[in-house]
């Protein structure tokens, strides 16, 4: 569905993909997030039913913006 480069509030650069798919008649959304570099990398796969998108998507985007690889 989409591909977006981002920089978190803590300066971590990454790329985020948003995909959609259907499984046994149910529609799903998946975010695949890759952040960091060759030393420290974060890889997230977040999948949820499409009918919950209105409730969940904003929280996922807030979480991605808060990535910090130097806690």
Protein backbone atom coordinates (compact mmCIF):
# COMPACT_ATOMS: atom_id res chain seq x y z
CA UNK A 1 0.00 0.00 0.00
CA UNK A 2 2.77 2.45 0.93
CA UNK A 3 6.48 2.94 1.67
CA UNK A 4 7.75 5.80 3.83
CA UNK A 5 11.17 6.83 5.11
CA UNK A 6 11.17 8.33 8.58
CA UNK A 7 13.37 9.70 11.33
CA UNK A 8 12.18 9.06 14.89
CA UNK A 9 12.02 11.76 17.53
CA UNK A 10 15.33 10.32 18.80
CA UNK A 11 17.12 10.64 15.44
CA UNK A 12 16.81 6.98 14.36
CA UNK A 13 16.33 6.66 10.59
CA UNK A 14 14.29 3.93 9.03
CA UNK A 15 11.74 2.82 6.48
CA UNK A 16 8.16 1.70 7.03
CA UNK A 17 5.98 -0.36 4.70
CA UNK A 18 2.20 -0.64 5.01
CA UNK A 19 0.66 -3.69 3.35
CA UNK A 20 -2.80 -5.19 3.16
CA UNK A 21 -3.82 -8.78 2.58
CA UNK A 22 -6.73 -11.14 2.93
CA UNK A 23 -6.67 -14.53 4.67
CA UNK A 24 -9.68 -16.85 4.72
CA UNK A 25 -11.98 -13.95 3.87
CA UNK A 26 -10.66 -11.64 6.60
CA UNK A 27 -8.78 -8.44 5.67
CA UNK A 28 -5.60 -7.49 7.52
CA UNK A 29 -3.12 -4.61 7.65
CA UNK A 30 0.59 -5.20 8.24
CA UNK A 31 3.26 -2.66 9.05
CA UNK A 32 6.87 -3.69 8.46
CA UNK A 33 9.29 -1.27 10.11
CA UNK A 34 13.08 -1.32 9.72
CA UNK A 35 15.08 1.20 11.77
CA UNK A 36 18.72 1.70 12.66
CA UNK A 37 21.99 0.84 10.97
CA UNK A 38 24.44 -2.05 10.57
CA UNK A 39 25.32 -1.95 14.29
CA UNK A 40 21.85 -1.72 15.83
CA UNK A 41 18.71 -2.62 13.92
CA UNK A 42 15.08 -2.84 14.92
CA UNK A 43 12.68 -4.89 12.77
CA UNK A 44 8.98 -4.77 13.61
CA UNK A 45 6.11 -6.68 12.02
CA UNK A 46 2.74 -5.47 13.23
CA UNK A 47 -0.39 -7.19 11.91
CA UNK A 48 -3.99 -6.49 12.85
CA UNK A 49 -7.50 -6.92 11.40
CA UNK A 50 -8.40 -4.08 9.03
CA UNK A 51 -11.63 -3.41 10.94
CA UNK A 52 -9.49 -2.15 13.89
CA UNK A 53 -7.40 0.23 11.77
CA UNK A 54 -9.16 3.37 13.03
CA UNK A 55 -8.30 2.46 16.63
CA UNK A 56 -4.77 1.13 16.17
CA UNK A 57 -3.03 2.96 13.33
CA UNK A 58 -2.38 6.25 15.18
CA UNK A 59 -0.85 4.40 18.15
CA UNK A 60 1.44 2.42 15.84
CA UNK A 61 2.66 5.60 14.15
CA UNK A 62 3.31 7.22 17.56
CA UNK A 63 5.32 4.18 18.63
CA UNK A 64 7.44 4.26 15.47
CA UNK A 65 8.16 7.97 16.03
CA UNK A 66 9.42 7.11 19.55
CA UNK A 67 12.05 4.51 18.49
CA UNK A 68 15.26 4.95 20.46
CA UNK A 69 18.23 2.63 19.93
CA UNK A 70 20.32 4.32 22.65
CA UNK A 71 18.18 4.00 25.79
